[in-house]
Amino acid sequence: MSTESAPAPKSGVAEDVQPGSRVAVSALITNLREYGLILALIAIMVFFQFTTSGTLFKPVNLSNLVQQNSFIIVMALGMLLVIVSGHIDLSVGSVAGFIGALAAMMMVIWPLGPFSNPLVVSIICLIIGGGIGAAQGYWIAYHRIPSFIVTLAGMLIFRGICQALLGGGSSVGPLPVGFKALSSGFIPDLIGPLVLIPPTVNAAGKTIVGSGLTLHMTTLVIGLIAVLAYAYFGLRARRTREQHGYEAEPFPLFVVKTLVTSALALFLVYQFASYRGLPIVLMVMGVLIALFVFVTKRMTIGRRIYAMGGNAKAAQLSGIKTERLTLMVFVNMGVLSALGGLIIAARLGQAVPAAGLGSELDVIAAVFIGGASAMGGVGQVIGAVVGGFIMGVMNNGMSIMGVNVDWQQVVKGLVLLGAVVFDVYNKNKG
């Protein structure tokens, strides 16, 4: 006599969920931070596009947005590694201001002959920035002095030296045109412009500014290559994970993410191409972002930094030289702080005592908004970059709307607090 058991009712618990659905839900939760950041950036941009009556997405404003906030993103790349390694650097704004003042003095005031060349000055300043990072990193790595204390001292020291170099409250300038191109220049159109709508000519035979539509073809080509490279390397990384037996995000989810990101990138590239092309500083940022993504994801030193930040004692017992690694992280931060200082000076066209003042707060906020953990060991380069752009878009949008600077600080503080609360909530839930 045979008996047949009735199928168990669907209870809705994990055992009743189809494997494919579980994978999709798991991938969505795992990448919630990344997707949420991109969606948040898009939502903030769309919000300010409407509230500023379409000003935000105008090509000239997008170029200004990049040029004004580029130094934040450059320094955020270095700050990411500092925070991932379990430390903090409060001196980046003061170091940037000091380097900008030093560069201006070398190019304008001091009779240094060939050493006053902008390229030579920039190289010297980057080396000095690395030296500053090494000096701070030495006390942190080898004498176990908390990074908060060392870099707080550095913030005070280099802000004072910056003001002393500039004679108290005076500014030094104007800086050479070639140097200012670092922040305010645009890449040349090597291919040649594409005229879609001829510009209008007035009765005097002069072209009316803003009329017609001419595209910067070099910018379009670079943008298309970058988007295709993003899609190709993303697909290759996904296939590599599958081949090695790791769980990968569902293909439809990957396609949607790639299409949305690519569409946003192509739209921004078109806007840049319809103005004067890609800003030089954006190209510098792009190279640095690609380099740091490669270092953190593909190189041993990147994995060791994450291991050290996650558990310094375990990393040391496994053979990682944590002191030397910490020193290298702060040297890198010093170099990027110096580059940020050069960008600030190039943007202003002169060195001023207040250059970089308070920028360390925006840099740290960008990294935390981008998903880094205050406990170390967690954080992504793309997250820090998106966090930097979120800060930049909020600054730009609220300024266009005429929001008082005091309330801008309040809004940024609430956004930072919300990002950290969200991060802690996810960790506790996990």
Protein backbone atom coordinates (compact mmCIF):
# COMPACT_ATOMS: atom_id res chain seq x y z
CA MET A 1 0.00 0.00 0.00
CA SER A 2 1.49 3.30 -1.07
CA THR A 3 0.78 6.64 0.40
CA GLU A 4 1.32 10.04 -1.17
CA SER A 5 2.05 13.06 0.91
CA ALA A 6 0.51 16.33 -0.06
CA PRO A 7 2.92 19.04 -1.12
CA ALA A 8 3.89 21.35 1.69
CA PRO A 9 2.16 24.69 1.59
CA LYS A 10 4.10 27.74 0.59
CA SER A 11 5.09 29.40 3.83
CA GLY A 12 7.04 32.32 2.45
CA VAL A 13 10.18 31.42 4.41
CA ALA A 14 13.63 31.18 2.83
CA GLU A 15 13.19 27.47 1.98
CA ASP A 16 10.21 28.23 -0.25
CA VAL A 17 11.93 30.97 -2.23
CA GLN A 18 13.31 29.94 -5.60
CA PRO A 19 17.14 29.84 -5.79
CA GLY A 20 17.18 32.38 -8.59
CA SER A 21 15.11 34.79 -6.53
CA ARG A 22 17.41 34.30 -3.54
CA VAL A 23 20.45 35.15 -5.68
CA ALA A 24 18.78 38.27 -7.06
CA VAL A 25 17.71 39.47 -3.62
CA SER A 26 21.13 38.67 -2.16
CA ALA A 27 22.91 40.57 -4.96
CA LEU A 28 20.59 43.54 -4.54
CA ILE A 29 21.23 43.68 -0.79
CA THR A 30 24.98 43.21 -1.22
CA ASN A 31 25.18 46.05 -3.73
CA LEU A 32 22.55 48.23 -2.06
CA ARG A 33 25.12 50.78 -0.98
CA GLU A 34 26.58 51.14 -4.49
CA TYR A 35 23.20 51.30 -6.22
CA GLY A 36 21.84 53.62 -3.56
CA LEU A 37 24.73 56.05 -4.03
CA ILE A 38 24.28 56.23 -7.79
CA LEU A 39 20.51 56.60 -7.47
CA ALA A 40 20.98 59.25 -4.77
CA LEU A 41 23.34 61.24 -7.00
CA ILE A 42 20.89 61.05 -9.91
CA ALA A 43 17.97 62.04 -7.67
CA ILE A 44 19.87 65.00 -6.22
CA MET A 45 20.90 66.18 -9.70
CA VAL A 46 17.32 65.90 -11.00
CA PHE A 47 16.00 67.73 -7.91
CA PHE A 48 18.37 70.66 -8.37
CA GLN A 49 17.77 70.68 -12.13
CA PHE A 50 14.12 71.51 -11.42
CA THR A 51 14.69 73.81 -8.46
CA THR A 52 17.31 75.84 -10.36
CA SER A 53 15.08 76.16 -13.46
CA GLY A 54 17.44 74.05 -15.58
CA THR A 55 20.66 75.82 -14.62
CA LEU A 56 22.39 72.80 -13.07
CA PHE A 57 22.74 70.81 -16.31
CA LYS A 58 23.85 73.73 -18.44
CA PRO A 59 27.27 72.95 -19.98
CA VAL A 60 28.99 75.98 -18.45
CA ASN A 61 27.67 75.13 -14.98
CA LEU A 62 28.73 71.47 -15.28
CA SER A 63 32.24 72.59 -16.19
CA ASN A 64 32.30 74.95 -13.21
CA LEU A 65 30.97 72.17 -10.97
CA VAL A 66 33.86 69.88 -11.92
CA GLN A 67 36.50 72.58 -11.65
CA GLN A 68 35.26 73.85 -8.29
CA ASN A 69 35.07 70.42 -6.64
CA SER A 70 37.91 68.54 -8.33
CA PHE A 71 40.35 69.10 -5.46
CA ILE A 72 37.84 67.52 -3.03
CA ILE A 73 37.65 64.34 -5.10
CA VAL A 74 41.42 64.20 -5.62
CA MET A 75 42.05 64.41 -1.88
CA ALA A 76 39.16 62.02 -1.16
CA LEU A 77 41.03 59.28 -3.05
CA GLY A 78 43.89 59.55 -0.59
CA MET A 79 41.58 59.98 2.40
CA LEU A 80 39.79 56.77 1.42
CA LEU A 81 42.98 54.74 1.93
CA VAL A 82 43.70 56.56 5.19
CA ILE A 83 40.23 55.77 6.56
CA VAL A 84 40.22 52.21 5.22
CA SER A 85 43.53 51.63 7.02
CA GLY A 86 41.88 52.71 10.27
CA HIS A 87 43.21 56.26 10.55
CA ILE A 88 42.15 59.86 9.84
CA ASP A 89 43.93 62.92 8.43
CA LEU A 90 42.74 66.34 9.58
CA SER A 91 45.65 68.23 8.02
CA VAL A 92 44.77 67.87 4.32
CA GLY A 93 43.16 71.32 4.00
CA SER A 94 46.06 73.09 5.71
CA VAL A 95 48.66 71.14 3.70
CA ALA A 96 46.81 72.06 0.50
CA GLY A 97 46.79 75.74 1.49
CA PHE A 98 50.48 75.66 2.42
CA ILE A 99 51.48 73.98 -0.87
CA GLY A 100 49.44 76.51 -2.86
CA ALA A 101 51.17 79.37 -1.04
CA LEU A 102 54.60 77.77 -1.55
CA ALA A 103 53.96 77.28 -5.26
CA ALA A 104 52.85 80.91 -5.66
CA MET A 105 55.93 82.20 -3.85
CA MET A 106 58.21 80.06 -6.04
CA MET A 107 56.59 81.20 -9.29
CA VAL A 108 55.92 84.87 -8.50
CA ILE A 109 58.07 86.22 -5.64
CA TRP A 110 61.29 84.25 -5.25
CA PRO A 111 63.93 84.66 -8.02
CA LEU A 112 64.53 80.96 -8.70
CA GLY A 113 65.23 81.19 -12.42
CA PRO A 114 64.44 77.90 -14.19
CA PHE A 115 63.02 76.50 -10.95
CA SER A 116 60.15 79.00 -11.26
CA ASN A 117 58.78 77.06 -14.23
CA PRO A 118 55.21 75.89 -13.38
CA LEU A 119 55.98 72.25 -14.20
CA VAL A 120 59.16 72.22 -12.10
CA VAL A 121 57.38 73.98 -9.23
CA SER A 122 54.53 71.46 -9.38
CA ILE A 123 56.91 68.50 -9.19
CA ILE A 124 58.82 70.04 -6.27
CA CYS A 125 55.55 70.74 -4.44
CA LEU A 126 54.33 67.17 -4.92
CA ILE A 127 57.61 65.88 -3.47
CA ILE A 128 57.28 68.25 -0.50
CA GLY A 129 53.71 67.05 0.01
CA GLY A 130 54.94 63.46 0.09
CA GLY A 131 57.57 64.50 2.65
CA ILE A 132 54.91 66.07 4.85
CA GLY A 133 52.87 62.88 4.67
CA ALA A 134 55.96 60.84 5.53
CA ALA A 135 56.72 63.03 8.55
CA GLN A 136 53.19 62.61 9.92
CA GLY A 137 53.03 58.94 9.00
CA TYR A 138 56.31 58.25 10.82
CA TRP A 139 54.89 59.32 14.20
CA ILE A 140 51.66 57.43 13.56
CA ALA A 141 53.21 54.21 12.25
CA TYR A 142 56.35 53.79 14.34
CA HIS A 143 55.50 55.63 17.56
CA ARG A 144 51.82 54.66 17.76
CA ILE A 145 50.66 58.23 18.28
CA PRO A 146 46.97 58.46 17.28
CA SER A 147 46.52 59.88 13.79
CA PHE A 148 43.88 62.28 15.10
CA ILE A 149 46.47 63.99 17.33
CA VAL A 150 49.32 64.02 14.79
CA THR A 151 47.24 65.39 11.93
CA LEU A 152 45.46 67.88 14.20
CA ALA A 153 48.91 69.24 15.03
CA GLY A 154 49.73 69.25 11.32
CA MET A 155 46.55 71.18 10.57
CA LEU A 156 47.58 73.95 12.96
CA ILE A 157 51.25 73.95 11.92
CA PHE A 158 50.73 74.17 8.17
CA ARG A 159 47.89 76.67 8.40
CA GLY A 160 50.23 78.90 10.39
CA ILE A 161 53.10 78.42 7.90
CA CYS A 162 50.73 79.18 5.02
CA GLN A 163 49.71 82.48 6.57
CA ALA A 164 53.32 83.32 7.45
CA LEU A 165 54.45 82.69 3.86
CA LEU A 166 51.79 85.04 2.54
CA GLY A 167 52.60 87.73 5.06
CA GLY A 168 49.51 87.42 7.20
CA GLY A 169 46.47 88.32 5.14
CA SER A 170 47.83 89.18 1.70
CA SER A 171 47.51 87.16 -1.48
CA VAL A 172 50.21 86.32 -4.05
CA GLY A 173 49.48 86.43 -7.76
CA PRO A 174 48.64 86.46 -10.54
CA LEU A 175 49.97 83.00 -11.34
CA PRO A 176 51.23 82.02 -14.81
CA VAL A 177 48.61 81.17 -17.43
CA GLY A 178 50.16 77.76 -18.03
CA PHE A 179 49.79 76.89 -14.37
CA LYS A 180 46.18 78.09 -14.18
CA ALA A 181 45.31 75.73 -17.05
CA LEU A 182 45.57 72.83 -14.57
CA SER A 183 42.22 73.84 -13.10
CA SER A 184 40.59 76.20 -15.61
CA GLY A 185 41.89 74.79 -18.91
CA PHE A 186 40.24 72.42 -21.39
CA ILE A 187 41.69 69.69 -23.59
CA PRO A 188 42.36 70.75 -27.21
CA ASP A 189 40.13 69.42 -29.98
CA LEU A 190 42.64 67.31 -31.89
CA ILE A 191 39.99 65.86 -34.22
CA GLY A 192 38.26 69.10 -35.05
CA PRO A 193 34.84 70.58 -34.18
CA LEU A 194 31.56 69.25 -35.57
CA VAL A 195 29.18 72.11 -36.47
CA LEU A 196 25.57 70.92 -36.16
CA ILE A 197 23.90 74.35 -36.15
CA PRO A 198 25.89 77.29 -37.55
CA PRO A 199 26.19 80.22 -35.11
CA THR A 200 24.14 83.37 -35.71
CA VAL A 201 25.96 86.47 -36.95
CA ASN A 202 24.75 89.93 -35.96
CA ALA A 203 24.58 93.03 -38.15
CA ALA A 204 28.18 93.92 -37.31
CA GLY A 205 29.36 90.59 -38.66
CA LYS A 206 30.26 89.20 -35.24
CA THR A 207 29.16 85.81 -33.94
CA ILE A 208 26.51 85.93 -31.20
CA VAL A 209 27.87 84.11 -28.17
CA GLY A 210 25.83 81.02 -27.30
CA SER A 211 24.15 80.71 -30.69
CA GLY A 212 24.43 77.60 -32.83
CA LEU A 213 25.66 74.16 -31.75
CA THR A 214 29.25 73.00 -32.21
CA LEU A 215 30.49 69.76 -30.66
CA HIS A 216 33.99 69.12 -29.36
CA MET A 217 34.70 65.84 -31.21
CA THR A 218 37.73 64.83 -29.14
CA THR A 219 35.57 64.95 -26.04
CA LEU A 220 32.89 62.78 -27.67
CA VAL A 221 35.44 60.18 -28.77
CA ILE A 222 37.06 60.02 -25.32
CA GLY A 223 33.62 59.72 -23.71
CA LEU A 224 32.55 56.87 -26.01
CA ILE A 225 35.80 55.00 -25.41
CA ALA A 226 35.43 55.43 -21.64
CA VAL A 227 31.83 54.15 -21.64
CA LEU A 228 32.70 51.14 -23.81
CA ALA A 229 35.68 50.37 -21.56
CA TYR A 230 33.44 50.60 -18.48
CA ALA A 231 30.94 48.13 -19.97
CA TYR A 232 33.66 45.75 -21.20
CA PHE A 233 35.63 45.60 -17.96
CA GLY A 234 32.44 45.30 -15.93
CA LEU A 235 31.31 42.34 -18.03
CA ARG A 236 34.75 40.73 -17.85
CA ALA A 237 34.87 41.12 -14.07
CA ARG A 238 31.44 39.51 -13.78
CA ARG A 239 32.47 36.54 -15.94
CA THR A 240 35.68 36.12 -13.95
CA ARG A 241 33.70 35.86 -10.72
CA GLU A 242 31.44 33.23 -12.23
CA GLN A 243 34.37 31.22 -13.61
CA HIS A 244 35.97 31.12 -10.16
CA GLY A 245 32.76 29.99 -8.50
CA TYR A 246 31.89 33.27 -6.79
CA GLU A 247 28.37 34.66 -6.66
CA ALA A 248 27.80 37.37 -9.24
CA GLU A 249 24.93 39.81 -9.54
CA PRO A 250 22.10 38.63 -11.85
CA PHE A 251 22.69 39.55 -15.48
CA PRO A 252 19.52 41.69 -15.83
CA LEU A 253 20.59 43.69 -12.77
CA PHE A 254 24.07 44.14 -14.24
CA VAL A 255 22.60 45.30 -17.58
CA VAL A 256 20.31 47.85 -15.93
CA LYS A 257 23.14 49.23 -13.78
CA THR A 258 25.48 49.49 -16.79
CA LEU A 259 22.87 51.13 -19.01
CA VAL A 260 21.86 53.72 -16.42
CA THR A 261 25.47 54.62 -15.60
CA SER A 262 26.47 54.74 -19.28
CA ALA A 263 23.46 56.89 -20.20
CA LEU A 264 24.31 59.37 -17.45
CA ALA A 265 27.96 59.45 -18.52
CA LEU A 266 27.11 59.97 -22.20
CA PHE A 267 24.70 62.78 -21.32
CA LEU A 268 27.40 64.56 -19.32
CA VAL A 269 29.96 64.00 -22.10
CA TYR A 270 27.57 65.54 -24.62
CA GLN A 271 27.08 68.57 -22.36
CA PHE A 272 30.84 69.03 -22.05
CA ALA A 273 31.28 68.60 -25.81
CA SER A 274 28.70 71.30 -26.52
CA TYR A 275 30.71 73.80 -24.44
CA ARG A 276 34.52 73.78 -24.55
CA GLY A 277 35.28 70.11 -24.11
CA LEU A 278 36.54 68.14 -21.13
CA PRO A 279 38.29 70.18 -18.41
CA ILE A 280 41.94 69.22 -17.97
CA VAL A 281 41.40 68.66 -14.27
CA LEU A 282 38.65 66.13 -15.08
CA MET A 283 41.16 64.15 -17.15
CA VAL A 284 43.59 64.24 -14.22
CA MET A 285 40.82 63.00 -11.94
CA GLY A 286 39.93 60.23 -14.39
CA VAL A 287 43.51 58.94 -14.51
CA LEU A 288 43.78 59.00 -10.71
CA ILE A 289 40.44 57.23 -10.25
CA ALA A 290 41.43 54.47 -12.69
CA LEU A 291 44.80 54.10 -10.95
CA PHE A 292 43.28 53.85 -7.48
CA VAL A 293 40.62 51.37 -8.63
CA PHE A 294 43.39 49.20 -10.06
CA VAL A 295 45.51 49.48 -6.91
CA THR A 296 42.67 48.66 -4.51
CA LYS A 297 41.19 45.82 -6.54
CA ARG A 298 44.11 44.25 -8.40
CA MET A 299 47.30 44.87 -6.46
CA THR A 300 48.57 43.15 -3.34
CA ILE A 301 49.24 46.43 -1.56
CA GLY A 302 45.57 47.39 -1.91
CA ARG A 303 44.40 44.12 -0.36
CA ARG A 304 46.90 44.56 2.47
CA ILE A 305 45.55 48.03 3.27
CA TYR A 306 42.04 46.59 3.60
CA ALA A 307 43.35 43.71 5.70
CA MET A 308 45.22 46.10 7.99
CA GLY A 309 42.15 48.27 8.42
CA GLY A 310 39.92 45.28 9.13
CA ASN A 311 42.20 43.78 11.80
CA ALA A 312 45.64 45.31 12.24
CA LYS A 313 46.80 42.66 14.71
CA ALA A 314 45.81 39.77 12.46
CA ALA A 315 47.42 41.49 9.47
CA GLN A 316 50.66 41.91 11.40
CA LEU A 317 50.65 38.27 12.49
CA SER A 318 50.11 37.20 8.87
CA GLY A 319 53.34 38.89 7.85
CA ILE A 320 52.10 42.29 6.65
CA LYS A 321 54.47 45.10 7.66
CA THR A 322 51.77 47.39 8.99
CA GLU A 323 54.16 50.19 10.00
CA ARG A 324 55.59 50.56 6.52
CA LEU A 325 52.14 50.26 4.98
CA THR A 326 50.77 53.01 7.23
CA LEU A 327 53.70 55.23 6.30
CA MET A 328 53.01 54.68 2.58
CA VAL A 329 49.32 55.51 3.05
CA PHE A 330 50.19 58.88 4.61
CA VAL A 331 52.85 59.63 1.98
CA ASN A 332 50.18 59.05 -0.66
CA MET A 333 47.81 61.35 1.25
CA GLY A 334 50.48 64.05 1.40
CA VAL A 335 51.08 63.91 -2.36
CA LEU A 336 47.35 64.15 -3.14
CA SER A 337 46.94 67.00 -0.64
CA ALA A 338 49.72 68.83 -2.48
CA LEU A 339 48.00 68.19 -5.80
CA GLY A 340 44.76 69.49 -4.31
CA GLY A 341 46.59 72.62 -3.18
CA LEU A 342 47.97 73.19 -6.68
CA ILE A 343 44.48 72.79 -8.14
CA ILE A 344 43.04 75.31 -5.66
CA ALA A 345 45.75 77.85 -6.46
CA ALA A 346 45.31 77.31 -10.20
CA ARG A 347 41.55 77.76 -9.86
CA LEU A 348 41.86 81.02 -7.92
CA GLY A 349 44.76 82.29 -10.04
CA GLN A 350 46.53 83.30 -6.83
CA ALA A 351 47.43 82.01 -3.39
CA VAL A 352 45.29 83.22 -0.48
CA PRO A 353 45.64 82.52 3.28
CA ALA A 354 42.19 80.90 3.47
CA ALA A 355 42.83 78.41 0.65
CA GLY A 356 41.74 74.92 1.69
CA LEU A 357 40.28 76.16 4.95
CA GLY A 358 37.70 73.62 6.13
CA SER A 359 38.11 71.45 3.04
CA GLU A 360 39.24 68.52 5.19
CA LEU A 361 35.65 68.27 6.43
CA ASP A 362 34.26 68.01 2.89
CA VAL A 363 36.92 65.43 2.00
CA ILE A 364 36.16 63.26 5.02
CA ALA A 365 32.41 63.66 4.48
CA ALA A 366 32.74 62.55 0.85
CA VAL A 367 34.51 59.35 1.90
CA PHE A 368 31.94 58.50 4.59
CA ILE A 369 29.00 59.31 2.33
CA GLY A 370 30.64 57.02 -0.21
CA GLY A 371 30.32 54.06 2.15
CA ALA A 372 33.61 53.93 4.05
CA SER A 373 33.48 52.69 7.62
CA ALA A 374 34.85 54.75 10.49
CA MET A 375 36.20 51.49 11.94
CA GLY A 376 38.40 50.83 8.89
CA GLY A 377 38.56 47.98 6.40
CA VAL A 378 35.54 49.05 4.33
CA GLY A 379 35.29 51.52 1.45
CA GLN A 380 35.40 51.75 -2.33
CA VAL A 381 37.05 54.24 -4.67
CA ILE A 382 33.92 54.74 -6.77
CA GLY A 383 31.92 55.31 -3.59
CA ALA A 384 34.29 58.08 -2.48
CA VAL A 385 34.09 59.70 -5.93
CA VAL A 386 30.29 59.57 -5.98
CA GLY A 387 30.25 60.92 -2.42
CA GLY A 388 32.45 63.80 -3.55
CA PHE A 389 30.11 64.60 -6.44
CA ILE A 390 27.10 64.45 -4.11
CA MET A 391 28.75 67.07 -1.92
CA GLY A 392 29.67 69.15 -4.96
CA VAL A 393 26.20 69.02 -6.51
CA MET A 394 24.61 70.02 -3.20
CA ASN A 395 27.03 72.95 -2.82
CA ASN A 396 26.45 74.08 -6.39
CA GLY A 397 22.69 73.59 -6.38
CA MET A 398 22.09 75.35 -3.07
CA SER A 399 24.33 78.24 -4.13
CA ILE A 400 22.33 78.71 -7.34
CA MET A 401 19.11 78.61 -5.32
CA GLY A 402 20.49 81.31 -3.03
CA VAL A 403 20.47 79.19 0.12
CA ASN A 404 22.43 80.85 2.91
CA VAL A 405 25.88 79.36 3.58
CA ASP A 406 24.86 78.64 7.18
CA TRP A 407 21.99 76.43 6.08
CA GLN A 408 24.17 74.76 3.46
CA GLN A 409 26.37 73.54 6.32
CA VAL A 410 23.30 72.23 8.14
CA VAL A 411 22.13 70.28 5.09
CA LYS A 412 25.56 68.77 4.47
CA GLY A 413 25.83 67.77 8.12
CA LEU A 414 22.45 66.02 7.98
CA VAL A 415 23.41 64.18 4.80
CA LEU A 416 26.66 63.00 6.40
CA LEU A 417 24.86 61.86 9.54
CA GLY A 418 22.25 60.05 7.47
CA ALA A 419 24.94 58.22 5.48
CA VAL A 420 26.71 57.03 8.64
CA VAL A 421 23.42 55.99 10.32
CA PHE A 422 22.52 54.01 7.19
CA ASP A 423 25.93 52.31 7.27
CA VAL A 424 25.62 51.40 10.97
CA TYR A 425 22.06 50.14 10.41
CA ASN A 426 23.21 47.82 7.62
CA LYS A 427 26.05 46.46 9.76
CA ASN A 428 23.76 45.79 12.74
CA LYS A 429 21.15 44.18 10.51
CA GLY A 430 23.83 42.00 8.90
